[in-house]
Amino acid sequence: MDNKKFKEYDSIDEDKLWERYSKSNEQSIRDYFVLKYAPLVKYVAGKISMGMPQSIEFEDLVSYGIFGLLDAINKFDPSRGIKFKTYAMTRIRGAIFDELRSIDWIPRSIRQKAKQIEQVIAELENKLGRTVEDEEIAKELGITNEEFQNLLNKLSGTSMLSLNDVWYLGDDNDELSILETLEAPENMNPDILLEKEEIKEYIIDAIKKLPDKEKKVIVLYYYEDLTLKEIGEVLDVTESRVSQLHTKAIMRLRGRLGRIKSNIVG
């Protein structure tokens, strides 16, 4: 796209440009949106890459995300009242995770262990009526606390993947993931939020009940947009420890939410 055309579109109100594109499907406007929002793909890929093993290349995540951006541009409906950036982030993230699932990079044994921990946490907390400690989880798993901490390190990649799991409420655009709730829900259409309010309240309530450090990691990472290293400096712990806290928080959330999900959507 030539620079002159880009500047021309840049001077037009974006809402009006989306209205024009939705009616005309002009290739030049599509190209403009691709260029304008390409940095968003790198941002989302960067966030996801933090929890991935070294075998997952950042540039690969970006290439997966580009397909999500293109999909978002093609399917975006400005009349729904949702900001494109919010909609695109969901599509970009979804495209990246869909591709990661398709290449099956997480060993089955790791996935099974993650599920086991979620179930153990859910069952213990339901039984005891309180937040359970690491030692209690480890004891129930039949391993030492040190082995449990090492296991959390191995499971760090699965926690990001599991956050993208979607609770479908109806058609293609009527869905909610834990991650979507964490990331700027105020930008969503109030009517859509109202439809999802019950699930959203369960998720937010579950976050509020997390142990203090785990809750701080969630808030600093998803709301304040800090990196794991920066969170470590705030909490005065190592980056590895932040990763463990993040993984444990997500497993605790999924364990709790798993008990109520079937009652809401199934």
C-alpha atoms as a PDB file:
ATOM      1  CA  MET A   1       0.000   0.000   0.000  1.00  0.00           C
ATOM      2  CA  ASP A   2       1.424   3.405  -0.955  1.00  0.00           C
ATOM      3  CA  ASN A   3       2.114   5.959   1.760  1.00  0.00           C
ATOM      4  CA  LYS A   4      -0.273   8.521   0.292  1.00  0.00           C
ATOM      5  CA  LYS A   5      -3.225   6.140   0.482  1.00  0.00           C
ATOM      6  CA  PHE A   6      -2.319   5.157   4.049  1.00  0.00           C
ATOM      7  CA  LYS A   7      -2.260   8.817   5.148  1.00  0.00           C
ATOM      8  CA  GLU A   8      -5.590   9.408   3.429  1.00  0.00           C
ATOM      9  CA  TYR A   9      -7.280   6.615   5.384  1.00  0.00           C
ATOM     10  CA  ASP A  10      -5.463   7.628   8.552  1.00  0.00           C
ATOM     11  CA  SER A  11      -7.203  11.008   8.418  1.00  0.00           C
ATOM     12  CA  ILE A  12     -10.684   9.419   8.244  1.00  0.00           C
ATOM     13  CA  ASP A  13     -12.594   8.542  11.413  1.00  0.00           C
ATOM     14  CA  GLU A  14     -12.078   4.799  11.881  1.00  0.00           C
ATOM     15  CA  ASP A  15     -15.741   4.068  12.612  1.00  0.00           C
ATOM     16  CA  LYS A  16     -16.692   5.678   9.301  1.00  0.00           C
ATOM     17  CA  LEU A  17     -13.940   3.752   7.536  1.00  0.00           C
ATOM     18  CA  TRP A  18     -15.292   0.481   8.932  1.00  0.00           C
ATOM     19  CA  GLU A  19     -18.791   1.391   7.750  1.00  0.00           C
ATOM     20  CA  ARG A  20     -17.395   2.080   4.300  1.00  0.00           C
ATOM     21  CA  TYR A  21     -15.457  -1.175   4.235  1.00  0.00           C
ATOM     22  CA  SER A  22     -18.431  -3.250   5.424  1.00  0.00           C
ATOM     23  CA  LYS A  23     -20.391  -1.992   2.427  1.00  0.00           C
ATOM     24  CA  SER A  24     -17.660  -1.955  -0.234  1.00  0.00           C
ATOM     25  CA  ASN A  25     -14.987  -4.523   0.787  1.00  0.00           C
ATOM     26  CA  GLU A  26     -12.373  -2.236  -0.801  1.00  0.00           C
ATOM     27  CA  GLN A  27      -9.018  -4.017  -0.963  1.00  0.00           C
ATOM     28  CA  SER A  28      -7.095  -0.840  -0.159  1.00  0.00           C
ATOM     29  CA  ILE A  29      -9.063  -0.314   3.077  1.00  0.00           C
ATOM     30  CA  ARG A  30      -8.478  -3.949   4.031  1.00  0.00           C
ATOM     31  CA  ASP A  31      -4.739  -3.472   3.417  1.00  0.00           C
ATOM     32  CA  TYR A  32      -4.831  -0.340   5.574  1.00  0.00           C
ATOM     33  CA  PHE A  33      -6.377  -2.215   8.494  1.00  0.00           C
ATOM     34  CA  VAL A  34      -3.850  -5.046   8.126  1.00  0.00           C
ATOM     35  CA  LEU A  35      -0.961  -2.566   8.331  1.00  0.00           C
ATOM     36  CA  LYS A  36      -2.500  -0.576  11.151  1.00  0.00           C
ATOM     37  CA  TYR A  37      -3.197  -3.587  13.359  1.00  0.00           C
ATOM     38  CA  ALA A  38      -0.130  -5.702  12.525  1.00  0.00           C
ATOM     39  CA  PRO A  39       1.574  -4.474  15.740  1.00  0.00           C
ATOM     40  CA  LEU A  40      -1.393  -5.890  17.682  1.00  0.00           C
ATOM     41  CA  VAL A  41      -0.510  -9.350  16.353  1.00  0.00           C
ATOM     42  CA  LYS A  42       3.029  -8.996  17.696  1.00  0.00           C
ATOM     43  CA  TYR A  43       1.681  -7.778  21.030  1.00  0.00           C
ATOM     44  CA  VAL A  44      -0.641 -10.790  21.434  1.00  0.00           C
ATOM     45  CA  ALA A  45       2.044 -13.204  20.226  1.00  0.00           C
ATOM     46  CA  GLY A  46       4.497 -11.677  22.694  1.00  0.00           C
ATOM     47  CA  LYS A  47       2.124 -12.169  25.613  1.00  0.00           C
ATOM     48  CA  ILE A  48       1.501 -15.787  24.627  1.00  0.00           C
ATOM     49  CA  SER A  49       5.187 -16.553  24.016  1.00  0.00           C
ATOM     50  CA  MET A  50       6.039 -15.753  27.651  1.00  0.00           C
ATOM     51  CA  GLY A  51       4.496 -19.001  28.822  1.00  0.00           C
ATOM     52  CA  MET A  52       5.740 -21.180  25.982  1.00  0.00           C
ATOM     53  CA  PRO A  53       8.751 -23.506  25.805  1.00  0.00           C
ATOM     54  CA  GLN A  54      11.756 -22.442  23.727  1.00  0.00           C
ATOM     55  CA  SER A  55      10.724 -24.834  20.958  1.00  0.00           C
ATOM     56  CA  ILE A  56       7.817 -22.492  20.132  1.00  0.00           C
ATOM     57  CA  GLU A  57       9.224 -19.657  18.001  1.00  0.00           C
ATOM     58  CA  PHE A  58       7.862 -16.113  18.436  1.00  0.00           C
ATOM     59  CA  GLU A  59       7.788 -15.552  14.663  1.00  0.00           C
ATOM     60  CA  ASP A  60       5.672 -18.684  14.241  1.00  0.00           C
ATOM     61  CA  LEU A  61       3.164 -17.304  16.733  1.00  0.00           C
ATOM     62  CA  VAL A  62       3.072 -14.045  14.770  1.00  0.00           C
ATOM     63  CA  SER A  63       2.413 -15.877  11.504  1.00  0.00           C
ATOM     64  CA  TYR A  64      -0.443 -17.815  13.151  1.00  0.00           C
ATOM     65  CA  GLY A  65      -1.824 -14.559  14.536  1.00  0.00           C
ATOM     66  CA  ILE A  66      -1.865 -12.849  11.140  1.00  0.00           C
ATOM     67  CA  PHE A  67      -4.524 -15.325  10.021  1.00  0.00           C
ATOM     68  CA  GLY A  68      -6.570 -14.311  13.044  1.00  0.00           C
ATOM     69  CA  LEU A  69      -6.221 -10.634  12.143  1.00  0.00           C
ATOM     70  CA  LEU A  70      -7.348 -11.278   8.573  1.00  0.00           C
ATOM     71  CA  ASP A  71     -10.283 -13.286   9.891  1.00  0.00           C
ATOM     72  CA  ALA A  72     -11.185 -10.457  12.266  1.00  0.00           C
ATOM     73  CA  ILE A  73     -11.111  -7.871   9.473  1.00  0.00           C
ATOM     74  CA  ASN A  74     -13.310 -10.041   7.248  1.00  0.00           C
ATOM     75  CA  LYS A  75     -15.872 -10.800   9.979  1.00  0.00           C
ATOM     76  CA  PHE A  76     -15.948  -7.576  11.982  1.00  0.00           C
ATOM     77  CA  ASP A  77     -19.405  -6.044  12.246  1.00  0.00           C
ATOM     78  CA  PRO A  78     -19.178  -2.375  13.331  1.00  0.00           C
ATOM     79  CA  SER A  79     -22.917  -2.281  14.047  1.00  0.00           C
ATOM     80  CA  ARG A  80     -22.434  -4.544  17.114  1.00  0.00           C
ATOM     81  CA  GLY A  81     -20.804  -1.701  19.017  1.00  0.00           C
ATOM     82  CA  ILE A  82     -17.624  -3.601  19.906  1.00  0.00           C
ATOM     83  CA  LYS A  83     -14.238  -1.951  19.405  1.00  0.00           C
ATOM     84  CA  PHE A  84     -12.257  -3.643  16.634  1.00  0.00           C
ATOM     85  CA  LYS A  85      -9.131  -3.916  18.784  1.00  0.00           C
ATOM     86  CA  THR A  86     -11.008  -5.963  21.400  1.00  0.00           C
ATOM     87  CA  TYR A  87     -12.609  -8.174  18.747  1.00  0.00           C
ATOM     88  CA  ALA A  88      -9.314  -8.620  16.861  1.00  0.00           C
ATOM     89  CA  MET A  89      -7.380  -9.622  19.989  1.00  0.00           C
ATOM     90  CA  THR A  90      -9.839 -12.444  20.592  1.00  0.00           C
ATOM     91  CA  ARG A  91      -9.542 -13.650  16.976  1.00  0.00           C
ATOM     92  CA  ILE A  92      -5.748 -13.317  16.884  1.00  0.00           C
ATOM     93  CA  ARG A  93      -5.353 -15.163  20.159  1.00  0.00           C
ATOM     94  CA  GLY A  94      -7.805 -17.832  19.025  1.00  0.00           C
ATOM     95  CA  ALA A  95      -5.947 -18.383  15.745  1.00  0.00           C
ATOM     96  CA  ILE A  96      -2.629 -18.796  17.576  1.00  0.00           C
ATOM     97  CA  PHE A  97      -4.034 -21.285  20.074  1.00  0.00           C
ATOM     98  CA  ASP A  98      -5.918 -23.189  17.380  1.00  0.00           C
ATOM     99  CA  GLU A  99      -2.644 -23.702  15.530  1.00  0.00           C
ATOM    100  CA  LEU A 100      -0.814 -24.686  18.717  1.00  0.00           C
ATOM    101  CA  ARG A 101      -3.501 -27.266  19.409  1.00  0.00           C
ATOM    102  CA  SER A 102      -3.271 -28.608  15.859  1.00  0.00           C
ATOM    103  CA  ILE A 103       0.477 -29.223  16.133  1.00  0.00           C
ATOM    104  CA  ASP A 104      -0.159 -30.870  19.518  1.00  0.00           C
ATOM    105  CA  TRP A 105       2.962 -29.428  21.168  1.00  0.00           C
ATOM    106  CA  ILE A 106       1.904 -30.340  24.711  1.00  0.00           C
ATOM    107  CA  PRO A 107       2.632 -34.003  25.563  1.00  0.00           C
ATOM    108  CA  ARG A 108      -0.470 -35.963  26.519  1.00  0.00           C
ATOM    109  CA  SER A 109       1.054 -36.865  29.883  1.00  0.00           C
ATOM    110  CA  ILE A 110       1.449 -33.172  30.741  1.00  0.00           C
ATOM    111  CA  ARG A 111      -2.138 -32.397  29.733  1.00  0.00           C
ATOM    112  CA  GLN A 112      -3.395 -35.282  31.855  1.00  0.00           C
ATOM    113  CA  LYS A 113      -1.345 -34.121  34.840  1.00  0.00           C
ATOM    114  CA  ALA A 114      -2.715 -30.574  34.479  1.00  0.00           C
ATOM    115  CA  LYS A 115      -6.258 -31.940  34.469  1.00  0.00           C
ATOM    116  CA  GLN A 116      -5.503 -34.082  37.519  1.00  0.00           C
ATOM    117  CA  ILE A 117      -4.232 -31.066  39.478  1.00  0.00           C
ATOM    118  CA  GLU A 118      -7.311 -29.038  38.538  1.00  0.00           C
ATOM    119  CA  GLN A 119      -9.550 -31.833  39.796  1.00  0.00           C
ATOM    120  CA  VAL A 120      -7.553 -32.285  43.016  1.00  0.00           C
ATOM    121  CA  ILE A 121      -7.721 -28.559  43.791  1.00  0.00           C
ATOM    122  CA  ALA A 122     -11.453 -28.448  43.054  1.00  0.00           C
ATOM    123  CA  GLU A 123     -12.238 -31.505  45.167  1.00  0.00           C
ATOM    124  CA  LEU A 124     -10.091 -30.414  48.124  1.00  0.00           C
ATOM    125  CA  GLU A 125     -11.438 -26.874  48.194  1.00  0.00           C
ATOM    126  CA  ASN A 126     -15.002 -28.117  47.845  1.00  0.00           C
ATOM    127  CA  LYS A 127     -14.447 -30.583  50.673  1.00  0.00           C
ATOM    128  CA  LEU A 128     -12.592 -28.192  53.009  1.00  0.00           C
ATOM    129  CA  GLY A 129     -14.492 -25.031  52.067  1.00  0.00           C
ATOM    130  CA  ARG A 130     -11.310 -22.945  51.797  1.00  0.00           C
ATOM    131  CA  THR A 131      -8.272 -22.274  49.650  1.00  0.00           C
ATOM    132  CA  VAL A 132      -5.848 -25.198  49.839  1.00  0.00           C
ATOM    133  CA  GLU A 133      -2.095 -24.846  50.279  1.00  0.00           C
ATOM    134  CA  ASP A 134       0.654 -26.275  48.044  1.00  0.00           C
ATOM    135  CA  GLU A 135       1.559 -28.904  50.632  1.00  0.00           C
ATOM    136  CA  GLU A 136      -2.024 -30.166  50.724  1.00  0.00           C
ATOM    137  CA  ILE A 137      -2.213 -30.400  46.934  1.00  0.00           C
ATOM    138  CA  ALA A 138       1.140 -32.212  46.814  1.00  0.00           C
ATOM    139  CA  LYS A 139       0.064 -34.655  49.526  1.00  0.00           C
ATOM    140  CA  GLU A 140      -3.146 -35.474  47.670  1.00  0.00           C
ATOM    141  CA  LEU A 141      -1.112 -36.045  44.480  1.00  0.00           C
ATOM    142  CA  GLY A 142       1.265 -38.332  46.396  1.00  0.00           C
ATOM    143  CA  ILE A 143       4.363 -36.215  45.686  1.00  0.00           C
ATOM    144  CA  THR A 144       6.615 -33.893  47.671  1.00  0.00           C
ATOM    145  CA  ASN A 145       6.118 -30.128  47.665  1.00  0.00           C
ATOM    146  CA  GLU A 146       9.389 -29.729  45.723  1.00  0.00           C
ATOM    147  CA  GLU A 147       8.140 -32.168  43.082  1.00  0.00           C
ATOM    148  CA  PHE A 148       4.884 -30.202  42.912  1.00  0.00           C
ATOM    149  CA  GLN A 149       6.765 -26.920  42.287  1.00  0.00           C
ATOM    150  CA  ASN A 150       8.820 -28.565  39.525  1.00  0.00           C
ATOM    151  CA  LEU A 151       5.602 -29.882  38.010  1.00  0.00           C
ATOM    152  CA  LEU A 152       4.138 -26.360  37.962  1.00  0.00           C
ATOM    153  CA  ASN A 153       7.147 -25.220  35.931  1.00  0.00           C
ATOM    154  CA  LYS A 154       6.492 -27.936  33.344  1.00  0.00           C
ATOM    155  CA  LEU A 155       2.825 -26.982  33.150  1.00  0.00           C
ATOM    156  CA  SER A 156       3.379 -23.254  32.514  1.00  0.00           C
ATOM    157  CA  GLY A 157       2.547 -23.511  28.810  1.00  0.00           C
ATOM    158  CA  THR A 158      -0.732 -25.315  29.402  1.00  0.00           C
ATOM    159  CA  SER A 159      -2.025 -22.513  31.635  1.00  0.00           C
ATOM    160  CA  MET A 160      -2.008 -20.012  28.761  1.00  0.00           C
ATOM    161  CA  LEU A 161      -3.652 -22.532  26.488  1.00  0.00           C
ATOM    162  CA  SER A 162      -6.355 -23.346  29.002  1.00  0.00           C
ATOM    163  CA  LEU A 163      -7.186 -19.672  29.506  1.00  0.00           C
ATOM    164  CA  ASN A 164      -8.308 -19.547  25.894  1.00  0.00           C
ATOM    165  CA  ASP A 165     -10.837 -22.345  26.356  1.00  0.00           C
ATOM    166  CA  VAL A 166     -14.203 -20.934  25.376  1.00  0.00           C
ATOM    167  CA  TRP A 167     -17.599 -21.303  26.961  1.00  0.00           C
ATOM    168  CA  TYR A 168     -20.002 -21.282  24.030  1.00  0.00           C
ATOM    169  CA  LEU A 169     -23.326 -19.627  24.715  1.00  0.00           C
ATOM    170  CA  GLY A 170     -24.897 -19.747  21.279  1.00  0.00           C
ATOM    171  CA  ASP A 171     -23.770 -18.580  17.858  1.00  0.00           C
ATOM    172  CA  ASP A 172     -20.233 -17.919  16.658  1.00  0.00           C
ATOM    173  CA  ASN A 173     -20.045 -14.463  18.242  1.00  0.00           C
ATOM    174  CA  ASP A 174     -21.723 -15.396  21.509  1.00  0.00           C
ATOM    175  CA  GLU A 175     -18.906 -16.919  23.528  1.00  0.00           C
ATOM    176  CA  LEU A 176     -16.722 -16.157  26.501  1.00  0.00           C
ATOM    177  CA  SER A 177     -13.265 -17.310  27.595  1.00  0.00           C
ATOM    178  CA  ILE A 178     -11.594 -16.743  30.946  1.00  0.00           C
ATOM    179  CA  LEU A 179      -8.980 -14.649  29.154  1.00  0.00           C
ATOM    180  CA  GLU A 180     -11.625 -12.518  27.438  1.00  0.00           C
ATOM    181  CA  THR A 181     -13.104 -11.727  30.850  1.00  0.00           C
ATOM    182  CA  LEU A 182      -9.704 -10.738  32.190  1.00  0.00           C
ATOM    183  CA  GLU A 183      -8.830  -8.479  29.273  1.00  0.00           C
ATOM    184  CA  ALA A 184     -10.740  -5.202  29.095  1.00  0.00           C
ATOM    185  CA  PRO A 185     -14.342  -6.422  29.334  1.00  0.00           C
ATOM    186  CA  GLU A 186     -15.482  -2.785  29.549  1.00  0.00           C
ATOM    187  CA  ASN A 187     -14.884  -2.464  25.796  1.00  0.00           C
ATOM    188  CA  MET A 188     -17.550  -5.031  25.001  1.00  0.00           C
ATOM    189  CA  ASN A 189     -21.109  -4.215  23.952  1.00  0.00           C
ATOM    190  CA  PRO A 190     -23.250  -3.810  27.123  1.00  0.00           C
ATOM    191  CA  ASP A 191     -25.987  -5.985  25.618  1.00  0.00           C
ATOM    192  CA  ILE A 192     -23.489  -8.788  25.010  1.00  0.00           C
ATOM    193  CA  LEU A 193     -22.049  -8.349  28.494  1.00  0.00           C
ATOM    194  CA  LEU A 194     -25.535  -8.645  29.968  1.00  0.00           C
ATOM    195  CA  GLU A 195     -26.034 -11.992  28.205  1.00  0.00           C
ATOM    196  CA  LYS A 196     -22.750 -13.243  29.651  1.00  0.00           C
ATOM    197  CA  GLU A 197     -23.048 -11.607  33.048  1.00  0.00           C
ATOM    198  CA  GLU A 198     -23.709 -14.790  35.013  1.00  0.00           C
ATOM    199  CA  ILE A 199     -20.563 -16.525  33.749  1.00  0.00           C
ATOM    200  CA  LYS A 200     -18.566 -13.311  34.052  1.00  0.00           C
ATOM    201  CA  GLU A 201     -19.594 -12.925  37.706  1.00  0.00           C
ATOM    202  CA  TYR A 202     -18.542 -16.494  38.484  1.00  0.00           C
ATOM    203  CA  ILE A 203     -15.131 -15.908  36.908  1.00  0.00           C
ATOM    204  CA  ILE A 204     -14.544 -12.580  38.666  1.00  0.00           C
ATOM    205  CA  ASP A 205     -15.690 -14.055  41.989  1.00  0.00           C
ATOM    206  CA  ALA A 206     -13.270 -16.964  41.508  1.00  0.00           C
ATOM    207  CA  ILE A 207     -10.421 -14.500  40.848  1.00  0.00           C
ATOM    208  CA  LYS A 208     -11.269 -12.520  44.008  1.00  0.00           C
ATOM    209  CA  LYS A 209     -11.011 -15.700  46.085  1.00  0.00           C
ATOM    210  CA  LEU A 210      -7.508 -16.552  44.872  1.00  0.00           C
ATOM    211  CA  PRO A 211      -4.660 -16.445  47.443  1.00  0.00           C
ATOM    212  CA  ASP A 212      -3.165 -12.949  47.661  1.00  0.00           C
ATOM    213  CA  LYS A 213       0.006 -13.511  45.609  1.00  0.00           C
ATOM    214  CA  GLU A 214      -1.799 -15.490  42.904  1.00  0.00           C
ATOM    215  CA  LYS A 215      -4.435 -12.763  42.627  1.00  0.00           C
ATOM    216  CA  LYS A 216      -1.728 -10.095  42.361  1.00  0.00           C
ATOM    217  CA  VAL A 217      -0.027 -12.020  39.537  1.00  0.00           C
ATOM    218  CA  ILE A 218      -3.325 -12.241  37.628  1.00  0.00           C
ATOM    219  CA  VAL A 219      -4.087  -8.539  38.141  1.00  0.00           C
ATOM    220  CA  LEU A 220      -0.570  -7.331  37.274  1.00  0.00           C
ATOM    221  CA  TYR A 221      -0.259  -9.599  34.226  1.00  0.00           C
ATOM    222  CA  TYR A 222      -3.712  -9.179  32.668  1.00  0.00           C
ATOM    223  CA  TYR A 223      -4.857  -5.776  33.917  1.00  0.00           C
ATOM    224  CA  GLU A 224      -1.597  -3.852  34.389  1.00  0.00           C
ATOM    225  CA  ASP A 225       0.087  -5.568  31.435  1.00  0.00           C
ATOM    226  CA  LEU A 226       3.355  -6.253  33.270  1.00  0.00           C
ATOM    227  CA  THR A 227       5.759  -8.974  32.141  1.00  0.00           C
ATOM    228  CA  LEU A 228       6.568 -11.928  34.404  1.00  0.00           C
ATOM    229  CA  LYS A 229       9.974 -10.376  35.102  1.00  0.00           C
ATOM    230  CA  GLU A 230       8.410  -7.039  36.100  1.00  0.00           C
ATOM    231  CA  ILE A 231       5.875  -8.806  38.337  1.00  0.00           C
ATOM    232  CA  GLY A 232       8.766 -10.623  40.015  1.00  0.00           C
ATOM    233  CA  GLU A 233      10.362  -7.254  40.832  1.00  0.00           C
ATOM    234  CA  VAL A 234       7.079  -5.952  42.277  1.00  0.00           C
ATOM    235  CA  LEU A 235       6.511  -9.053  44.424  1.00  0.00           C
ATOM    236  CA  ASP A 236      10.225  -9.516  45.165  1.00  0.00           C
ATOM    237  CA  VAL A 237      10.292 -13.088  43.868  1.00  0.00           C
ATOM    238  CA  THR A 238      12.011 -14.770  40.921  1.00  0.00           C
ATOM    239  CA  GLU A 239      10.492 -14.859  37.444  1.00  0.00           C
ATOM    240  CA  SER A 240      10.274 -18.645  37.798  1.00  0.00           C
ATOM    241  CA  ARG A 241       8.223 -18.228  40.975  1.00  0.00           C
ATOM    242  CA  VAL A 242       5.872 -15.807  39.197  1.00  0.00           C
ATOM    243  CA  SER A 243       5.388 -18.417  36.482  1.00  0.00           C
ATOM    244  CA  GLN A 244       4.524 -21.000  39.145  1.00  0.00           C
ATOM    245  CA  LEU A 245       2.043 -18.640  40.798  1.00  0.00           C
ATOM    246  CA  HIS A 246       0.438 -17.874  37.434  1.00  0.00           C
ATOM    247  CA  THR A 247       0.092 -21.554  36.558  1.00  0.00           C
ATOM    248  CA  LYS A 248      -1.328 -22.397  39.981  1.00  0.00           C
ATOM    249  CA  ALA A 249      -3.809 -19.502  39.791  1.00  0.00           C
ATOM    250  CA  ILE A 250      -5.101 -20.671  36.413  1.00  0.00           C
ATOM    251  CA  MET A 251      -5.436 -24.264  37.607  1.00  0.00           C
ATOM    252  CA  ARG A 252      -7.252 -23.086  40.708  1.00  0.00           C
ATOM    253  CA  LEU A 253      -9.595 -20.986  38.553  1.00  0.00           C
ATOM    254  CA  ARG A 254     -10.279 -23.821  36.138  1.00  0.00           C
ATOM    255  CA  GLY A 255     -10.798 -26.266  38.992  1.00  0.00           C
ATOM    256  CA  ARG A 256     -13.390 -23.992  40.570  1.00  0.00           C
ATOM    257  CA  LEU A 257     -15.082 -23.000  37.338  1.00  0.00           C
ATOM    258  CA  GLY A 258     -15.236 -26.586  36.139  1.00  0.00           C
ATOM    259  CA  ARG A 259     -17.722 -27.343  38.909  1.00  0.00           C
ATOM    260  CA  ILE A 260     -20.164 -24.697  37.714  1.00  0.00           C
ATOM    261  CA  LYS A 261     -19.603 -24.672  33.948  1.00  0.00           C
ATOM    262  CA  SER A 262     -21.870 -27.629  33.203  1.00  0.00           C
ATOM    263  CA  ASN A 263     -24.669 -26.068  35.256  1.00  0.00           C
ATOM    264  CA  ILE A 264     -24.519 -22.851  33.211  1.00  0.00           C
ATOM    265  CA  VAL A 265     -23.955 -24.015  29.643  1.00  0.00           C
ATOM    266  CA  GLY A 266     -24.776 -27.674  29.688  1.00  0.00           C
END
